Amino acid sequence: MFSRCVNLLVIPGQVSAIFFRGIYKKRFYRGIYLTDSMMARKDDVLVRMRNLDYVPGVNVSYSKEGYDRVLRAMCDGIVTITTEAVQLDLDHFGMTQFYEWRKDVPMRKLCFNVIPKSPSRTFRLVEEI
């Protein structure tokens, strides 16, 4: 069992290295984690994707984790998914390889937004000073 999971790399004159394949690597689900009108907490994963299928909107951050691109909520609130016309910035990393062939065509994408929860407006006086 162990011999199938380990590759031994031997290069003459250099240090040998052992590479483990998938023993401790946790695989994440790629797709939509939170859909429209669901409650999101700060730093919750909204979408994990391989390519840039969805774009971040209001209160949503974009990051690259390994081979995945991840959209996360930046605050507590309600998730809304909208379709919007996007103006792509081809100078941003990763945009050129995905969308250079569509630079002159108007494009619409699904956009993830997080609408912040309004703070409570009720106050109860517990004790006076």
Protein backbone atom coordinates (compact mmCIF):
# COMPACT_ATOMS: atom_id res chain seq x y z
CA MET A 1 0.00 0.00 0.00
CA PHE A 2 2.67 2.45 1.06
CA SER A 3 4.83 1.77 -2.00
CA ARG A 4 2.00 2.81 -4.33
CA CYS A 5 1.58 6.18 -2.61
CA VAL A 6 5.25 7.18 -2.59
CA ASN A 7 7.42 8.11 -5.54
CA LEU A 8 11.17 8.10 -5.01
CA LEU A 9 13.03 10.64 -7.11
CA VAL A 10 16.72 9.89 -7.49
CA ILE A 11 18.88 12.31 -9.46
CA PRO A 12 22.59 11.48 -9.77
CA GLY A 13 24.76 13.91 -7.79
CA GLN A 14 21.79 15.45 -5.96
CA VAL A 15 19.71 14.71 -2.90
CA SER A 16 16.91 12.20 -3.37
CA ALA A 17 13.39 13.34 -2.54
CA ILE A 18 10.21 11.50 -1.66
CA PHE A 19 6.88 12.77 -2.93
CA PHE A 20 3.65 11.67 -1.27
CA ARG A 21 0.61 11.52 -3.54
CA GLY A 22 -2.71 12.17 -1.91
CA ILE A 23 -2.07 10.59 1.46
CA TYR A 24 -2.80 13.65 3.60
CA LYS A 25 -4.21 15.96 0.93
CA LYS A 26 -7.74 16.99 1.71
CA ARG A 27 -9.86 17.43 -1.39
CA PHE A 28 -12.39 20.24 -1.33
CA TYR A 29 -15.73 20.25 -3.09
CA ARG A 30 -15.68 22.54 -6.12
CA GLY A 31 -18.96 24.33 -6.62
CA ILE A 32 -21.44 26.63 -4.93
CA TYR A 33 -21.48 26.38 -1.13
CA LEU A 34 -24.07 29.08 -0.32
CA THR A 35 -26.86 29.94 -2.75
CA ASP A 36 -29.22 32.88 -3.16
CA SER A 37 -30.94 34.24 0.01
CA MET A 38 -28.86 32.09 2.41
CA MET A 39 -27.16 33.59 5.46
CA ALA A 40 -23.36 33.97 5.21
CA ARG A 41 -20.94 34.64 8.06
CA LYS A 42 -17.67 36.49 7.67
CA ASP A 43 -15.01 34.40 5.83
CA ASP A 44 -17.52 31.72 4.74
CA VAL A 45 -16.74 30.14 1.38
CA LEU A 46 -19.40 31.05 -1.18
CA VAL A 47 -17.89 29.34 -4.24
CA ARG A 48 -14.83 27.20 -4.92
CA MET A 49 -14.06 26.83 -8.63
CA ARG A 50 -11.29 25.78 -11.00
CA ASN A 51 -11.80 28.51 -13.60
CA LEU A 52 -13.25 31.96 -13.12
CA ASP A 53 -16.90 30.99 -13.67
CA TYR A 54 -18.36 33.45 -11.14
CA VAL A 55 -17.19 36.96 -10.29
CA PRO A 56 -17.05 38.67 -6.87
CA GLY A 57 -19.46 41.50 -6.15
CA VAL A 58 -20.24 43.65 -3.12
CA ASN A 59 -18.61 42.45 0.13
CA VAL A 60 -17.09 39.37 -1.54
CA SER A 61 -13.35 38.68 -1.72
CA TYR A 62 -11.46 36.67 -4.35
CA SER A 63 -8.43 34.53 -3.55
CA LYS A 64 -6.46 31.73 -5.12
CA GLU A 65 -5.86 28.67 -2.94
CA GLY A 66 -3.78 26.02 -4.62
CA TYR A 67 -5.44 25.23 -7.94
CA ASP A 68 -8.81 26.62 -6.85
CA ARG A 69 -10.25 30.11 -7.01
CA VAL A 70 -12.36 30.94 -3.97
CA LEU A 71 -15.01 33.60 -3.31
CA ARG A 72 -15.50 34.40 0.40
CA ALA A 73 -17.91 36.64 2.31
CA MET A 74 -16.28 39.74 3.80
CA CYS A 75 -19.09 40.41 6.31
CA ASP A 76 -22.18 38.79 7.81
CA GLY A 77 -25.22 39.06 5.57
CA ILE A 78 -27.55 37.58 2.97
CA VAL A 79 -26.11 36.12 -0.25
CA THR A 80 -27.59 37.39 -3.51
CA ILE A 81 -26.66 36.10 -6.94
CA THR A 82 -27.15 38.46 -9.87
CA THR A 83 -26.34 38.44 -13.57
CA GLU A 84 -24.32 41.49 -14.53
CA ALA A 85 -22.51 42.83 -17.54
CA VAL A 86 -18.81 42.81 -16.66
CA GLN A 87 -15.97 44.94 -17.93
CA LEU A 88 -12.92 42.71 -17.67
CA ASP A 89 -9.55 44.11 -16.62
CA LEU A 90 -7.16 42.04 -18.73
CA ASP A 91 -4.17 43.40 -16.76
CA HIS A 92 -5.35 41.51 -13.66
CA PHE A 93 -3.61 38.16 -13.10
CA GLY A 94 -5.36 35.18 -14.64
CA MET A 95 -7.79 37.19 -16.76
CA THR A 96 -5.70 37.14 -19.93
CA GLN A 97 -5.44 33.36 -20.13
CA PHE A 98 -9.18 32.85 -19.62
CA TYR A 99 -10.80 35.71 -21.53
CA GLU A 100 -8.42 37.19 -24.11
CA TRP A 101 -10.37 35.55 -26.94
CA ARG A 102 -13.56 37.34 -25.75
CA LYS A 103 -12.12 40.83 -25.20
CA ASP A 104 -14.34 42.52 -27.84
CA VAL A 105 -17.57 40.66 -27.00
CA PRO A 106 -19.94 41.99 -24.29
CA MET A 107 -20.03 39.47 -21.46
CA ARG A 108 -22.52 38.69 -18.69
CA LYS A 109 -21.49 36.72 -15.61
CA LEU A 110 -23.07 35.45 -12.41
CA CYS A 111 -22.01 37.78 -9.63
CA PHE A 112 -22.04 36.87 -5.91
CA ASN A 113 -22.94 39.69 -3.49
CA VAL A 114 -23.35 39.74 0.29
CA ILE A 115 -25.87 42.27 1.58
CA PRO A 116 -24.96 43.15 5.20
CA LYS A 117 -27.47 42.44 7.91
CA SER A 118 -28.92 45.62 9.37
CA PRO A 119 -27.96 46.09 13.02
CA SER A 120 -30.62 45.70 15.66
CA ARG A 121 -32.43 48.93 16.51
CA THR A 122 -33.93 47.73 19.76
CA PHE A 123 -32.26 48.61 23.02
CA ARG A 124 -33.24 47.57 26.50
CA LEU A 125 -31.88 49.47 29.47
CA VAL A 126 -30.64 46.91 31.99
CA GLU A 127 -29.49 49.24 34.76
CA GLU A 128 -28.87 52.93 35.27
CA ILE A 129 -25.71 54.48 36.58
